[in-house]
C-alpha atoms as a PDB file:
ATOM      1  CA  MET A   1      -0.252  -0.288  -0.122  1.00  0.00           C
ATOM      2  CA  ILE A   2       1.531   3.352  -1.079  1.00  0.00           C
ATOM      3  CA  ASP A   3       0.623   6.508   1.557  1.00  0.00           C
ATOM      4  CA  ASP A   4       1.919  10.015   1.896  1.00  0.00           C
ATOM      5  CA  HIS A   5       4.627   8.594   4.225  1.00  0.00           C
ATOM      6  CA  THR A   6       6.191   5.882   1.467  1.00  0.00           C
ATOM      7  CA  ILE A   7       9.580   6.788  -0.056  1.00  0.00           C
ATOM      8  CA  GLN A   8       9.667   5.640  -4.412  1.00  0.00           C
ATOM      9  CA  LEU A   9      13.112   5.044  -5.783  1.00  0.00           C
ATOM     10  CA  ASN A  10      12.876   3.803  -9.510  1.00  0.00           C
ATOM     11  CA  ILE A  11      16.309   2.998 -10.353  1.00  0.00           C
ATOM     12  CA  PRO A  12      18.219   1.290 -13.386  1.00  0.00           C
ATOM     13  CA  ALA A  13      19.178  -2.218 -12.844  1.00  0.00           C
ATOM     14  CA  ASP A  14      22.731  -1.012 -12.283  1.00  0.00           C
ATOM     15  CA  PHE A  15      25.370  -1.585  -9.799  1.00  0.00           C
ATOM     16  CA  LYS A  16      26.416   2.053  -9.799  1.00  0.00           C
ATOM     17  CA  TYR A  17      22.821   3.110  -8.739  1.00  0.00           C
ATOM     18  CA  LEU A  18      23.122   1.354  -5.238  1.00  0.00           C
ATOM     19  CA  ASN A  19      24.825   4.160  -3.309  1.00  0.00           C
ATOM     20  CA  VAL A  20      21.372   6.151  -4.161  1.00  0.00           C
ATOM     21  CA  VAL A  21      19.668   3.439  -2.574  1.00  0.00           C
ATOM     22  CA  GLY A  22      21.978   3.496   0.389  1.00  0.00           C
ATOM     23  CA  ALA A  23      21.799   7.223   0.816  1.00  0.00           C
ATOM     24  CA  CYS A  24      17.929   6.935   0.765  1.00  0.00           C
ATOM     25  CA  LEU A  25      17.755   4.327   3.868  1.00  0.00           C
ATOM     26  CA  THR A  26      20.538   6.480   5.873  1.00  0.00           C
ATOM     27  CA  ALA A  27      18.820   9.496   5.981  1.00  0.00           C
ATOM     28  CA  ILE A  28      15.046   7.809   6.688  1.00  0.00           C
ATOM     29  CA  LEU A  29      17.056   5.965   9.938  1.00  0.00           C
ATOM     30  CA  GLN A  30      18.570   9.127  10.736  1.00  0.00           C
ATOM     31  CA  HIS A  31      15.090  10.144  11.590  1.00  0.00           C
ATOM     32  CA  GLU A  32      13.727   7.796  13.674  1.00  0.00           C
ATOM     33  CA  GLU A  33      14.164   8.664  17.451  1.00  0.00           C
ATOM     34  CA  ASP A  34      14.798   6.137  20.165  1.00  0.00           C
ATOM     35  CA  LEU A  35      16.967   3.869  17.881  1.00  0.00           C
ATOM     36  CA  PRO A  36      19.952   3.255  20.125  1.00  0.00           C
ATOM     37  CA  THR A  37      21.384   0.979  17.484  1.00  0.00           C
ATOM     38  CA  ARG A  38      21.022   2.964  14.806  1.00  0.00           C
ATOM     39  CA  ASP A  39      24.424   2.387  12.994  1.00  0.00           C
ATOM     40  CA  ILE A  40      24.221  -0.882  13.233  1.00  0.00           C
ATOM     41  CA  VAL A  41      20.542  -1.166  12.709  1.00  0.00           C
ATOM     42  CA  THR A  42      21.177   1.036   9.518  1.00  0.00           C
ATOM     43  CA  SER A  43      24.350  -0.476   8.020  1.00  0.00           C
ATOM     44  CA  GLY A  44      22.494  -4.234   8.241  1.00  0.00           C
ATOM     45  CA  VAL A  45      19.377  -2.674   6.517  1.00  0.00           C
ATOM     46  CA  GLU A  46      21.691  -1.145   3.704  1.00  0.00           C
ATOM     47  CA  LEU A  47      23.522  -4.527   2.986  1.00  0.00           C
ATOM     48  CA  ALA A  48      20.279  -6.617   2.931  1.00  0.00           C
ATOM     49  CA  VAL A  49      18.564  -3.966   0.790  1.00  0.00           C
ATOM     50  CA  HIS A  50      21.921  -3.896  -1.311  1.00  0.00           C
ATOM     51  CA  GLU A  51      22.161  -7.753  -1.639  1.00  0.00           C
ATOM     52  CA  THR A  52      18.595  -8.176  -2.383  1.00  0.00           C
ATOM     53  CA  CYS A  53      19.327  -5.735  -5.561  1.00  0.00           C
ATOM     54  CA  ILE A  54      22.493  -7.295  -6.005  1.00  0.00           C
ATOM     55  CA  ASN A  55      20.279 -10.524  -7.180  1.00  0.00           C
ATOM     56  CA  ILE A  56      17.997  -8.761  -9.191  1.00  0.00           C
ATOM     57  CA  ILE A  57      20.555  -7.418 -11.135  1.00  0.00           C
ATOM     58  CA  GLU A  58      22.287 -10.622 -11.491  1.00  0.00           C
ATOM     59  CA  HIS A  59      19.745 -13.066 -12.040  1.00  0.00           C
ATOM     60  CA  ALA A  60      16.330 -11.625 -12.684  1.00  0.00           C
ATOM     61  CA  TYR A  61      17.758  -9.257 -15.339  1.00  0.00           C
ATOM     62  CA  ALA A  62      21.021 -11.329 -16.006  1.00  0.00           C
ATOM     63  CA  GLY A  63      22.597  -8.897 -18.247  1.00  0.00           C
ATOM     64  CA  VAL A  64      19.814  -7.271 -19.277  1.00  0.00           C
ATOM     65  CA  MET A  65      18.838  -3.937 -18.613  1.00  0.00           C
ATOM     66  CA  GLY A  66      15.763  -3.361 -16.545  1.00  0.00           C
ATOM     67  CA  ARG A  67      14.865  -1.200 -13.672  1.00  0.00           C
ATOM     68  CA  ILE A  68      14.419  -1.655  -9.913  1.00  0.00           C
ATOM     69  CA  THR A  69      11.294  -0.310  -7.921  1.00  0.00           C
ATOM     70  CA  LEU A  70      11.805   0.101  -3.945  1.00  0.00           C
ATOM     71  CA  ALA A  71       8.847   1.100  -1.768  1.00  0.00           C
ATOM     72  CA  ILE A  72      10.530   2.206   1.787  1.00  0.00           C
ATOM     73  CA  GLN A  73       8.050   2.479   4.863  1.00  0.00           C
ATOM     74  CA  ILE A  74       8.642   3.457   8.344  1.00  0.00           C
ATOM     75  CA  LEU A  75       5.595   1.962  10.367  1.00  0.00           C
ATOM     76  CA  ASN A  76       4.305   1.950  13.894  1.00  0.00           C
ATOM     77  CA  ASP A  77       2.478  -0.867  15.830  1.00  0.00           C
ATOM     78  CA  PRO A  78       4.902  -2.173  15.544  1.00  0.00           C
ATOM     79  CA  HIS A  79       7.685   0.344  15.100  1.00  0.00           C
ATOM     80  CA  ARG A  80       9.299  -1.084  11.893  1.00  0.00           C
ATOM     81  CA  LEU A  81      10.753  -0.636   8.081  1.00  0.00           C
ATOM     82  CA  VAL A  82       9.401  -2.141   5.493  1.00  0.00           C
ATOM     83  CA  VAL A  83      11.201  -2.354   2.182  1.00  0.00           C
ATOM     84  CA  LYS A  84       9.136  -3.662  -0.926  1.00  0.00           C
ATOM     85  CA  ILE A  85      11.579  -4.606  -3.999  1.00  0.00           C
ATOM     86  CA  HIS A  86       9.830  -4.773  -7.361  1.00  0.00           C
ATOM     87  CA  ASP A  87      11.514  -6.259 -10.458  1.00  0.00           C
ATOM     88  CA  GLN A  88      10.128  -7.137 -14.164  1.00  0.00           C
ATOM     89  CA  GLY A  89      13.269  -9.249 -14.381  1.00  0.00           C
ATOM     90  CA  GLN A  90      13.264 -13.470 -14.584  1.00  0.00           C
ATOM     91  CA  PRO A  91      11.671 -15.311 -11.412  1.00  0.00           C
ATOM     92  CA  PHE A  92      14.074 -17.285  -9.791  1.00  0.00           C
ATOM     93  CA  VAL A  93      13.896 -20.112  -7.412  1.00  0.00           C
ATOM     94  CA  LEU A  94      15.243 -19.398  -4.028  1.00  0.00           C
ATOM     95  CA  PRO A  95      17.725 -22.027  -2.720  1.00  0.00           C
ATOM     96  CA  GLU A  96      17.285 -23.400   0.679  1.00  0.00           C
ATOM     97  CA  ILE A  97      19.779 -21.086   2.770  1.00  0.00           C
ATOM     98  CA  HIS A  98      22.181 -22.614   4.586  1.00  0.00           C
ATOM     99  CA  PRO A  99      24.981 -20.840   6.462  1.00  0.00           C
ATOM    100  CA  PRO A 100      28.457 -20.888   4.436  1.00  0.00           C
ATOM    101  CA  GLN A 101      31.014 -23.646   4.768  1.00  0.00           C
ATOM    102  CA  VAL A 102      33.980 -22.174   6.871  1.00  0.00           C
ATOM    103  CA  GLU A 103      35.353 -25.782   6.871  1.00  0.00           C
ATOM    104  CA  GLY A 104      37.139 -27.174   3.663  1.00  0.00           C
ATOM    105  CA  ASP A 105      36.936 -25.486  -0.100  1.00  0.00           C
ATOM    106  CA  ILE A 106      35.991 -21.766   0.492  1.00  0.00           C
ATOM    107  CA  GLN A 107      32.886 -20.949  -0.745  1.00  0.00           C
ATOM    108  CA  ILE A 108      33.241 -17.518  -2.910  1.00  0.00           C
ATOM    109  CA  ARG A 109      29.139 -17.166  -3.868  1.00  0.00           C
ATOM    110  CA  GLY A 110      26.244 -17.618  -1.719  1.00  0.00           C
ATOM    111  CA  TYR A 111      26.337 -15.261   1.187  1.00  0.00           C
ATOM    112  CA  GLY A 112      23.833 -12.841   0.181  1.00  0.00           C
ATOM    113  CA  LEU A 113      20.455 -14.398   0.586  1.00  0.00           C
ATOM    114  CA  PHE A 114      22.104 -16.010   3.862  1.00  0.00           C
ATOM    115  CA  LEU A 115      22.837 -12.221   4.774  1.00  0.00           C
ATOM    116  CA  VAL A 116      19.765 -11.097   4.093  1.00  0.00           C
ATOM    117  CA  HIS A 117      17.875 -13.394   6.022  1.00  0.00           C
ATOM    118  CA  GLU A 118      19.987 -12.760   9.353  1.00  0.00           C
ATOM    119  CA  LEU A 119      19.810  -8.910   8.960  1.00  0.00           C
ATOM    120  CA  MET A 120      16.148  -8.273   8.462  1.00  0.00           C
ATOM    121  CA  ASP A 121      13.486  -9.823  10.721  1.00  0.00           C
ATOM    122  CA  GLU A 122      11.118 -11.025   7.720  1.00  0.00           C
ATOM    123  CA  VAL A 123      12.156 -11.955   4.107  1.00  0.00           C
ATOM    124  CA  LYS A 124       9.361 -12.825   1.451  1.00  0.00           C
ATOM    125  CA  TYR A 125      10.280 -13.157  -2.278  1.00  0.00           C
ATOM    126  CA  VAL A 126       6.785 -13.553  -4.403  1.00  0.00           C
ATOM    127  CA  PRO A 127       8.096 -14.700  -7.733  1.00  0.00           C
ATOM    128  CA  LYS A 128       5.833 -14.081 -10.636  1.00  0.00           C
ATOM    129  CA  SER A 129       7.056 -13.557 -14.731  1.00  0.00           C
ATOM    130  CA  GLY A 130       7.844 -10.312 -15.159  1.00  0.00           C
ATOM    131  CA  ASN A 131       6.496  -9.132 -11.394  1.00  0.00           C
ATOM    132  CA  ASN A 132       8.567 -10.379  -8.952  1.00  0.00           C
ATOM    133  CA  THR A 133       8.566  -8.645  -5.321  1.00  0.00           C
ATOM    134  CA  TRP A 134      10.799  -8.753  -2.501  1.00  0.00           C
ATOM    135  CA  HIS A 135       9.405  -7.930   1.434  1.00  0.00           C
ATOM    136  CA  LEU A 136      11.903  -7.357   3.752  1.00  0.00           C
ATOM    137  CA  ILE A 137      11.177  -5.986   7.354  1.00  0.00           C
ATOM    138  CA  LYS A 138      13.198  -4.547  10.161  1.00  0.00           C
ATOM    139  CA  LYS A 139      11.638  -4.441  13.575  1.00  0.00           C
ATOM    140  CA  LEU A 140      13.057  -1.144  15.143  1.00  0.00           C
END
């Protein structure tokens, strides 16, 4: 649901525009009162949203230009940050989320989704051809 307090961003699906998303999230969270671990929450949310956008760029669009739309809200009762991320790329099947391996062969990829799930309180992905949506929620 979009209301008067929703921030909307619509960026090209390109790594160089992710700094715009990070700056917006930082600005929003800087204005939240009574957030005792502001820096930790802010960096965690930024990392989770960046990792989600990276997956969209690499997997949903896979080298084809597209756009990423974000709707960012602070909601009360309970106090939480909600980030909805939408793309029109190819849907993909989420792998089971397992902690990264620390023994044996060094794991090069596959940390992103694990981090997203660890940093956010709720993560939901709704894949539909040409209409994929991520719902990320962080309790404040």
